[in-house]
């Protein structure tokens, strides 16, 4: 391992517009979306392709034929053949995982210029046949000795209803069988988060995202995408600045009869990609590029999926703050991934609870309350959408830009993820 050189800095970040699944990006898989984001990043930053030493990419719905999405992006965009690339998956924290891995590599002296980010295309998720079909057909199909009689015998044993109906893709826990929305419903009940509170948070998210778009705040973050059908996508399509408590209140519960979670106060299935350009501070200075932010710390944790599946940020954020040597009260910005409004509100309640912090964190005092004026200042996943692998990179880009543009000093990010995972990072302005 090389000796540490200097810190990794965030120079730029770009994402595609985020759109609802099965809509504008229907013909674009996760590789194509990733290419659109990285292409936009290279164009905006003006960096020469030859300087890019590697790509670290995050993804959740990986294409079976080309799961190393990062390498495919590098090859298709004709980056230097020697630019190494790999793909990581940590559920909804995959994008942040990719970025912190790139930052760590730079700070170990292994590279000076890396691109990191993530993408996902829910529209192109693979439909898998039942295991019973595979177990019947695979031994025959993969044997060189199989003949026509073998195939006829297998076909006669196949039940259309049992063996041929594809499985519907679901964001469900393998260990519990529970879909994420059901887990969030349990969190809402356990933490006493009401439907009214969730809907109010949702209105805030949409209004802030709509204001950011209207003001041009995302102009440097969002790169236009031209689809294979020739349609130009210029901005996020899920944001509804005109939503209201009245409109949200008319929606039915989505995951449980009589429940409080709806399609409105939950993040939508989304397609999109985001990419971040990281460099050693020395290299950025040599190239005359402006460094916007750097990582002061990060943290990854796990919790029992059968407990409170999405509580991870309530554990990871305090850990990242401790590693950074600062308190929640000292942070200028807080950005928490909005898988569900109920999940964010639960995390906020946990960090402010003396009992929770004593039992779960071993602290004698609570982490603290988050000032809503500091929280998700330009909206979040409920309003903007949530392409699983891209969200972490979106958050890093927005917070790095916010620190750079406003002169504020620090931001803490928190992400919940499937599998009972939690992630957090503390960014500081450079």
Protein backbone atom coordinates (compact mmCIF):
# COMPACT_ATOMS: atom_id res chain seq x y z
CA UNK A 1 0.00 0.00 0.00
CA UNK A 2 1.32 3.44 -0.90
CA UNK A 3 1.69 6.13 1.70
CA UNK A 4 -1.12 8.64 1.93
CA UNK A 5 -0.49 11.65 -0.28
CA UNK A 6 -3.17 14.31 0.12
CA UNK A 7 -6.91 14.40 0.52
CA UNK A 8 -9.38 13.53 -2.18
CA UNK A 9 -11.53 16.42 -3.31
CA UNK A 10 -14.79 16.63 -5.21
CA UNK A 11 -14.27 18.72 -8.33
CA UNK A 12 -17.59 18.26 -10.11
CA UNK A 13 -20.72 16.16 -10.30
CA UNK A 14 -23.40 15.58 -12.91
CA UNK A 15 -26.54 13.47 -13.14
CA UNK A 16 -29.16 12.68 -15.69
CA UNK A 17 -32.66 13.96 -15.11
CA UNK A 18 -34.44 11.45 -12.88
CA UNK A 19 -37.56 10.02 -14.47
CA UNK A 20 -40.25 7.57 -13.46
CA UNK A 21 -39.60 3.96 -14.48
CA UNK A 22 -41.13 2.68 -17.73
CA UNK A 23 -41.29 6.16 -19.19
CA UNK A 24 -38.73 8.28 -21.08
CA UNK A 25 -35.75 5.98 -20.42
CA UNK A 26 -37.51 2.73 -21.25
CA UNK A 27 -35.00 1.97 -24.02
CA UNK A 28 -31.93 2.87 -21.94
CA UNK A 29 -30.40 0.32 -19.61
CA UNK A 30 -28.17 1.13 -16.64
CA UNK A 31 -25.03 1.19 -18.82
CA UNK A 32 -26.55 3.70 -21.23
CA UNK A 33 -27.73 5.88 -18.35
CA UNK A 34 -24.30 5.68 -16.74
CA UNK A 35 -22.67 6.70 -20.00
CA UNK A 36 -24.98 9.71 -20.26
CA UNK A 37 -23.98 10.90 -16.79
CA UNK A 38 -20.23 10.32 -17.25
CA UNK A 39 -20.30 11.88 -20.72
CA UNK A 40 -21.97 14.95 -19.25
CA UNK A 41 -19.45 15.06 -16.41
CA UNK A 42 -16.48 14.90 -18.80
CA UNK A 43 -17.96 17.63 -20.98
CA UNK A 44 -18.81 19.95 -18.09
CA UNK A 45 -15.51 19.56 -16.27
CA UNK A 46 -13.46 19.82 -19.45
CA UNK A 47 -11.07 17.17 -18.21
CA UNK A 48 -9.15 15.19 -20.82
CA UNK A 49 -10.19 11.58 -21.15
CA UNK A 50 -6.56 10.51 -20.90
CA UNK A 51 -6.35 11.76 -17.30
CA UNK A 52 -9.08 9.46 -15.99
CA UNK A 53 -7.41 6.54 -14.22
CA UNK A 54 -10.48 4.56 -13.34
CA UNK A 55 -14.19 4.34 -12.64
CA UNK A 56 -15.83 3.07 -9.47
CA UNK A 57 -19.53 2.49 -10.11
CA UNK A 58 -22.50 1.58 -7.96
CA UNK A 59 -25.54 -0.36 -9.04
CA UNK A 60 -28.31 -2.55 -7.70
CA UNK A 61 -30.10 -3.89 -10.78
CA UNK A 62 -27.05 -5.16 -12.65
CA UNK A 63 -27.41 -6.49 -16.21
CA UNK A 64 -26.74 -10.26 -16.20
CA UNK A 65 -24.60 -10.12 -19.34
CA UNK A 66 -22.42 -7.22 -18.20
CA UNK A 67 -22.52 -6.78 -14.42
CA UNK A 68 -19.33 -4.69 -14.29
CA UNK A 69 -21.17 -1.57 -15.40
CA UNK A 70 -18.24 0.72 -14.61
CA UNK A 71 -15.96 -1.08 -17.07
CA UNK A 72 -18.59 -1.05 -19.80
CA UNK A 73 -18.99 2.71 -19.37
CA UNK A 74 -15.22 3.22 -19.61
CA UNK A 75 -14.97 1.09 -22.76
CA UNK A 76 -17.97 2.60 -24.52
CA UNK A 77 -16.80 6.17 -23.84
CA UNK A 78 -13.32 5.26 -25.05
CA UNK A 79 -11.53 6.18 -21.88
CA UNK A 80 -7.91 4.98 -21.82
CA UNK A 81 -7.87 1.16 -22.06
CA UNK A 82 -5.71 1.14 -18.94
CA UNK A 83 -8.36 2.93 -16.91
CA UNK A 84 -9.40 0.26 -14.44
CA UNK A 85 -13.02 -0.01 -13.41
CA UNK A 86 -15.18 -2.00 -11.07
CA UNK A 87 -18.75 -2.06 -9.84
CA UNK A 88 -19.99 -2.27 -6.27
CA UNK A 89 -23.41 -2.97 -4.83
CA UNK A 90 -24.57 -1.91 -1.38
CA UNK A 91 -28.26 -1.57 -2.17
CA UNK A 92 -29.41 2.07 -2.00
CA UNK A 93 -26.02 3.17 -0.62
CA UNK A 94 -24.16 1.86 -3.68
CA UNK A 95 -23.47 5.30 -5.14
CA UNK A 96 -22.02 6.61 -1.90
CA UNK A 97 -20.02 3.40 -1.47
CA UNK A 98 -18.47 3.88 -4.92
CA UNK A 99 -17.52 7.47 -4.14
CA UNK A 100 -15.96 6.75 -0.75
CA UNK A 101 -14.01 3.84 -2.24
CA UNK A 102 -12.65 6.21 -4.89
CA UNK A 103 -11.81 8.82 -2.26
CA UNK A 104 -10.00 6.20 -0.16
CA UNK A 105 -8.00 5.01 -3.18
CA UNK A 106 -6.90 8.57 -3.96
CA UNK A 107 -5.94 9.22 -0.36
CA UNK A 108 -3.88 6.02 -0.32
CA UNK A 109 -1.95 7.34 -3.29
CA UNK A 110 -3.29 4.76 -5.74
CA UNK A 111 -4.71 7.29 -8.21
CA UNK A 112 -5.05 11.02 -8.81
CA UNK A 113 -8.18 11.19 -10.97
CA UNK A 114 -11.19 8.90 -10.60
CA UNK A 115 -14.85 9.01 -11.59
CA UNK A 116 -17.36 7.45 -9.21
CA UNK A 117 -21.12 7.27 -9.13
CA UNK A 118 -23.96 4.95 -9.92
CA UNK A 119 -26.96 4.17 -12.08
CA UNK A 120 -30.01 1.97 -12.20
CA UNK A 121 -32.75 1.22 -14.68
CA UNK A 122 -35.78 -0.25 -12.97
CA UNK A 123 -37.38 -0.30 -16.41
CA UNK A 124 -34.86 -2.89 -17.54
CA UNK A 125 -34.86 -5.15 -14.49
CA UNK A 126 -34.63 -8.79 -15.52
CA UNK A 127 -37.76 -10.91 -15.27
CA UNK A 128 -36.69 -14.27 -13.91
CA UNK A 129 -38.49 -17.56 -14.41
CA UNK A 130 -39.36 -19.69 -11.38
CA UNK A 131 -36.54 -21.92 -10.04
CA UNK A 132 -38.69 -24.96 -10.84
CA UNK A 133 -38.40 -24.18 -14.56
CA UNK A 134 -34.62 -23.77 -14.36
CA UNK A 135 -34.19 -27.02 -12.43
CA UNK A 136 -36.19 -28.93 -15.02
CA UNK A 137 -34.75 -27.40 -18.17
CA UNK A 138 -31.13 -26.59 -17.29
CA UNK A 139 -29.83 -30.19 -16.95
CA UNK A 140 -31.16 -30.97 -20.42
CA UNK A 141 -30.22 -27.68 -22.11
CA UNK A 142 -26.67 -27.73 -20.76
CA UNK A 143 -25.93 -31.36 -21.59
CA UNK A 144 -24.29 -32.20 -24.91
CA UNK A 145 -25.90 -35.65 -24.76
CA UNK A 146 -29.50 -34.37 -24.74
CA UNK A 147 -31.65 -35.30 -27.69
CA UNK A 148 -35.13 -34.55 -28.96
CA UNK A 149 -36.67 -37.15 -26.65
CA UNK A 150 -35.13 -35.46 -23.61
CA UNK A 151 -36.57 -32.10 -24.61
CA UNK A 152 -40.02 -33.54 -25.22
CA UNK A 153 -39.91 -35.23 -21.82
CA UNK A 154 -39.03 -31.94 -20.10
CA UNK A 155 -41.70 -30.01 -21.99
CA UNK A 156 -44.34 -32.51 -20.94
CA UNK A 157 -43.42 -31.95 -17.27
CA UNK A 158 -43.69 -28.18 -17.37
CA UNK A 159 -46.72 -26.53 -15.81
CA UNK A 160 -47.47 -23.15 -17.46
CA UNK A 161 -48.97 -21.72 -14.27
CA UNK A 162 -46.23 -22.96 -11.95
CA UNK A 163 -43.12 -22.98 -14.12
CA UNK A 164 -43.54 -20.30 -16.80
CA UNK A 165 -44.97 -17.22 -15.05
CA UNK A 166 -42.07 -14.78 -14.49
CA UNK A 167 -41.46 -13.47 -11.01
CA UNK A 168 -42.50 -9.88 -10.45
CA UNK A 169 -39.43 -7.87 -9.34
CA UNK A 170 -39.91 -6.61 -5.79
CA UNK A 171 -37.76 -4.69 -3.33
CA UNK A 172 -38.15 -7.42 -0.73
CA UNK A 173 -35.86 -8.71 1.97
CA UNK A 174 -34.58 -12.21 1.29
CA UNK A 175 -34.17 -12.84 5.01
CA UNK A 176 -37.69 -11.77 6.01
CA UNK A 177 -39.75 -11.79 2.81
CA UNK A 178 -40.96 -8.31 3.72
CA UNK A 179 -41.08 -5.61 1.06
CA UNK A 180 -39.50 -2.31 1.99
CA UNK A 181 -42.81 -0.46 2.18
CA UNK A 182 -44.12 -2.95 4.72
CA UNK A 183 -40.99 -2.44 6.82
CA UNK A 184 -41.48 1.32 6.64
CA UNK A 185 -45.10 0.88 7.74
CA UNK A 186 -43.87 -0.92 10.84
CA UNK A 187 -41.40 1.87 11.48
CA UNK A 188 -44.15 4.46 11.22
CA UNK A 189 -46.27 2.58 13.76
CA UNK A 190 -43.41 1.93 16.15
CA UNK A 191 -42.18 5.53 16.06
CA UNK A 192 -45.68 7.01 16.05
CA UNK A 193 -45.31 8.82 12.74
CA UNK A 194 -48.74 9.88 11.48
CA UNK A 195 -50.05 10.04 7.93
CA UNK A 196 -50.43 13.81 8.31
CA UNK A 197 -46.77 14.19 9.28
CA UNK A 198 -45.66 12.08 6.33
CA UNK A 199 -47.77 14.03 3.86
CA UNK A 200 -46.54 17.37 5.25
CA UNK A 201 -42.94 16.22 4.82
CA UNK A 202 -43.75 15.13 1.27
CA UNK A 203 -45.17 18.55 0.38
CA UNK A 204 -41.99 20.15 1.73
CA UNK A 205 -39.80 17.85 -0.35
CA UNK A 206 -41.67 18.57 -3.58
CA UNK A 207 -41.81 22.31 -2.98
CA UNK A 208 -38.10 22.51 -2.29
CA UNK A 209 -37.20 20.41 -5.32
CA UNK A 210 -39.51 22.47 -7.54
CA UNK A 211 -37.98 25.69 -6.22
CA UNK A 212 -34.48 24.38 -6.94
CA UNK A 213 -35.45 23.53 -10.51
CA UNK A 214 -37.23 26.87 -11.08
CA UNK A 215 -34.30 28.87 -9.71
CA UNK A 216 -31.77 27.10 -11.91
CA UNK A 217 -30.05 25.59 -8.88
CA UNK A 218 -29.78 22.21 -10.62
CA UNK A 219 -28.65 23.66 -13.96
CA UNK A 220 -25.03 22.64 -13.45
CA UNK A 221 -25.95 19.29 -11.94
CA UNK A 222 -28.36 17.91 -14.52
CA UNK A 223 -27.17 17.03 -18.01
CA UNK A 224 -29.76 16.71 -20.80
CA UNK A 225 -30.32 13.22 -22.19
CA UNK A 226 -31.40 12.30 -25.70
CA UNK A 227 -33.15 8.93 -25.74
CA UNK A 228 -32.79 6.37 -28.57
CA UNK A 229 -36.18 7.52 -29.80
CA UNK A 230 -34.90 11.09 -30.13
CA UNK A 231 -36.71 12.56 -27.13
CA UNK A 232 -34.79 15.21 -25.20
CA UNK A 233 -35.14 14.93 -21.42
CA UNK A 234 -34.05 18.19 -19.84
CA UNK A 235 -35.21 18.04 -16.24
CA UNK A 236 -36.54 15.77 -13.51
CA UNK A 237 -40.06 14.57 -14.27
CA UNK A 238 -41.32 13.25 -10.93
CA UNK A 239 -41.28 16.55 -9.01
CA UNK A 240 -44.73 18.02 -8.37
CA UNK A 241 -44.41 21.53 -7.00
CA UNK A 242 -48.18 21.92 -6.95
CA UNK A 243 -48.85 18.94 -4.72
CA UNK A 244 -50.77 19.61 -1.54
CA UNK A 245 -51.96 17.99 1.65
CA UNK A 246 -55.40 17.75 0.10
CA UNK A 247 -54.13 15.89 -2.99
CA UNK A 248 -51.92 13.58 -0.97
CA UNK A 249 -54.70 12.91 1.50
CA UNK A 250 -56.83 11.34 -1.25
CA UNK A 251 -54.29 8.61 -2.01
CA UNK A 252 -54.87 5.08 -0.76
CA UNK A 253 -52.49 3.19 1.48
CA UNK A 254 -49.96 1.33 -0.69
CA UNK A 255 -48.57 -1.41 1.52
CA UNK A 256 -51.13 -2.21 4.19
CA UNK A 257 -54.87 -1.89 4.54
CA UNK A 258 -55.45 1.14 6.73
CA UNK A 259 -51.74 1.99 6.58
CA UNK A 260 -50.16 5.44 6.37
CA UNK A 261 -47.72 4.98 3.48
CA UNK A 262 -48.94 5.89 0.00
CA UNK A 263 -47.49 6.26 -3.46
CA UNK A 264 -47.27 9.97 -2.68
CA UNK A 265 -45.18 9.87 0.50
CA UNK A 266 -42.92 7.10 -0.82
CA UNK A 267 -40.14 7.40 -3.39
CA UNK A 268 -41.10 6.28 -6.88
CA UNK A 269 -39.44 3.59 -8.97
CA UNK A 270 -36.96 5.65 -10.93
CA UNK A 271 -34.40 5.46 -13.74
CA UNK A 272 -31.28 7.62 -13.72
CA UNK A 273 -27.55 7.98 -13.16
CA UNK A 274 -25.12 10.31 -11.40
CA UNK A 275 -21.34 10.69 -11.61
CA UNK A 276 -18.75 12.55 -9.51
CA UNK A 277 -15.23 13.61 -10.46
CA UNK A 278 -12.72 13.14 -7.64
CA UNK A 279 -9.06 14.12 -7.61
CA UNK A 280 -6.18 14.43 -5.25
CA UNK A 281 -6.09 18.01 -4.07
CA UNK A 282 -2.60 18.37 -5.50
CA UNK A 283 -3.76 17.23 -8.96
CA UNK A 284 -6.79 19.53 -8.97
CA UNK A 285 -4.55 22.45 -8.09
CA UNK A 286 -2.08 21.53 -10.83
CA UNK A 287 -4.88 21.41 -13.41
CA UNK A 288 -6.28 24.74 -12.23
CA UNK A 289 -9.58 23.17 -11.21
CA UNK A 290 -11.68 24.30 -8.26
CA UNK A 291 -12.16 21.79 -5.47
CA UNK A 292 -15.63 22.13 -3.98
CA UNK A 293 -15.64 19.74 -1.03
CA UNK A 294 -13.83 16.86 0.62
CA UNK A 295 -14.81 13.98 2.85
CA UNK A 296 -14.12 14.49 6.51
CA UNK A 297 -15.45 11.03 7.40
CA UNK A 298 -17.85 8.28 6.45
CA UNK A 299 -19.48 5.31 8.15
CA UNK A 300 -21.36 2.15 7.19
CA UNK A 301 -23.46 0.08 9.59
CA UNK A 302 -25.84 -2.86 9.65
CA UNK A 303 -28.99 -3.57 11.66
CA UNK A 304 -31.27 -6.58 11.95
CA UNK A 305 -33.66 -6.45 8.96
CA UNK A 306 -36.39 -7.95 11.14
CA UNK A 307 -36.12 -5.04 13.56
CA UNK A 308 -36.35 -1.58 11.95
CA UNK A 309 -35.01 -2.22 8.47
CA UNK A 310 -34.46 1.42 7.47
CA UNK A 311 -33.10 2.83 10.73
CA UNK A 312 -29.47 2.65 9.56
CA UNK A 313 -28.92 6.43 9.18
CA UNK A 314 -29.80 6.93 12.87
CA UNK A 315 -26.72 4.82 13.67
CA UNK A 316 -24.41 5.72 10.78
CA UNK A 317 -24.79 9.50 10.95
CA UNK A 318 -23.76 9.78 14.63
CA UNK A 319 -20.80 7.50 13.90
CA UNK A 320 -19.68 9.62 10.96
CA UNK A 321 -20.07 12.78 13.03
CA UNK A 322 -18.00 11.27 15.83
CA UNK A 323 -15.28 10.28 13.37
CA UNK A 324 -15.31 13.83 12.00
CA UNK A 325 -15.04 15.24 15.51
CA UNK A 326 -18.14 17.40 15.27
CA UNK A 327 -21.66 17.39 16.72
CA UNK A 328 -24.94 17.43 14.83
CA UNK A 329 -25.61 20.94 16.13
CA UNK A 330 -22.42 22.17 14.43
CA UNK A 331 -23.41 20.91 10.97
CA UNK A 332 -24.71 23.41 8.44
CA UNK A 333 -26.61 21.01 6.18
CA UNK A 334 -28.28 17.64 6.65
CA UNK A 335 -29.22 15.49 3.66
CA UNK A 336 -31.09 12.25 4.32
CA UNK A 337 -32.22 9.87 1.59
CA UNK A 338 -36.01 9.83 1.47
CA UNK A 339 -36.92 6.24 0.74
CA UNK A 340 -40.16 7.05 2.53
CA UNK A 341 -41.25 10.14 4.42
CA UNK A 342 -41.98 7.85 7.38
CA UNK A 343 -38.41 6.55 7.37
CA UNK A 344 -36.84 10.03 7.44
CA UNK A 345 -39.18 11.19 10.19
CA UNK A 346 -38.41 8.04 12.18
CA UNK A 347 -34.66 8.63 11.88
CA UNK A 348 -35.05 12.24 13.02
CA UNK A 349 -37.09 11.09 16.00
CA UNK A 350 -34.53 8.43 16.91
CA UNK A 351 -31.59 10.83 16.92
CA UNK A 352 -33.52 13.24 19.16
CA UNK A 353 -34.60 10.50 21.59
CA UNK A 354 -32.57 10.09 24.81
CA UNK A 355 -33.92 6.54 25.23
CA UNK A 356 -33.01 5.47 21.69
CA UNK A 357 -29.55 7.02 21.84
CA UNK A 358 -28.86 5.36 25.18
CA UNK A 359 -30.07 1.93 24.08
CA UNK A 360 -28.74 1.88 20.52
CA UNK A 361 -25.73 4.18 20.63
CA UNK A 362 -24.63 3.93 24.25
CA UNK A 363 -24.83 7.71 24.59
CA UNK A 364 -25.89 9.54 27.71
CA UNK A 365 -27.31 12.38 25.65
CA UNK A 366 -29.25 12.36 22.37
CA UNK A 367 -27.55 13.09 19.07
CA UNK A 368 -29.87 16.05 18.73
CA UNK A 369 -32.76 17.52 16.78
CA UNK A 370 -32.36 18.48 13.14
CA UNK A 371 -33.42 21.97 12.16
CA UNK A 372 -35.80 21.51 9.21
CA UNK A 373 -34.30 24.59 7.57
CA UNK A 374 -31.05 22.60 7.23
CA UNK A 375 -32.67 19.37 6.10
CA UNK A 376 -32.87 18.32 2.43
CA UNK A 377 -32.79 21.94 1.36
CA UNK A 378 -33.41 21.09 -2.31
CA UNK A 379 -35.77 18.18 -1.82
CA UNK A 380 -34.96 14.50 -1.77
CA UNK A 381 -35.84 11.09 -3.11
CA UNK A 382 -39.59 11.37 -2.42
CA UNK A 383 -39.80 14.27 -4.86
CA UNK A 384 -36.80 13.81 -7.15
CA UNK A 385 -36.96 10.03 -7.42
CA UNK A 386 -34.61 7.24 -6.41
CA UNK A 387 -32.56 5.32 -9.00
CA UNK A 388 -31.08 2.98 -6.41
CA UNK A 389 -27.41 3.13 -7.40
CA UNK A 390 -27.43 6.82 -8.29
CA UNK A 391 -28.94 8.45 -5.20
CA UNK A 392 -25.73 8.59 -3.17
CA UNK A 393 -23.91 10.35 -6.00
CA UNK A 394 -26.80 12.78 -6.42
CA UNK A 395 -26.64 13.67 -2.75
CA UNK A 396 -22.87 14.14 -2.77
CA UNK A 397 -23.08 16.37 -5.85
CA UNK A 398 -25.85 18.55 -4.46
CA UNK A 399 -24.24 18.95 -1.05
CA UNK A 400 -20.77 19.67 -2.49
CA UNK A 401 -22.28 22.36 -4.70
CA UNK A 402 -24.31 23.78 -1.83
CA UNK A 403 -21.24 24.11 0.38
CA UNK A 404 -19.28 25.69 -2.45
CA UNK A 405 -21.99 28.14 -3.48
CA UNK A 406 -23.12 29.25 -0.02
CA UNK A 407 -19.83 29.25 1.85
CA UNK A 408 -21.23 26.94 4.49
CA UNK A 409 -18.73 24.60 6.09
CA UNK A 410 -20.14 21.12 6.65
CA UNK A 411 -22.87 18.73 5.56
CA UNK A 412 -23.81 15.30 6.87
CA UNK A 413 -25.45 12.74 4.58
CA UNK A 414 -27.47 9.70 5.64
CA UNK A 415 -28.76 6.79 3.57
CA UNK A 416 -30.85 3.75 4.48
CA UNK A 417 -30.50 0.64 2.36
CA UNK A 418 -31.98 -2.80 1.88
CA UNK A 419 -30.54 -5.57 3.99
CA UNK A 420 -30.71 -3.43 7.11
CA UNK A 421 -27.78 -1.26 6.00
CA UNK A 422 -27.04 2.35 6.80
CA UNK A 423 -24.50 4.79 5.38
CA UNK A 424 -23.36 8.29 6.23
CA UNK A 425 -20.69 10.80 5.31
CA UNK A 426 -19.53 14.21 6.45
CA UNK A 427 -18.51 16.65 3.73
CA UNK A 428 -16.55 19.84 4.33
CA UNK A 429 -16.07 22.81 2.05
CA UNK A 430 -12.64 23.19 0.51
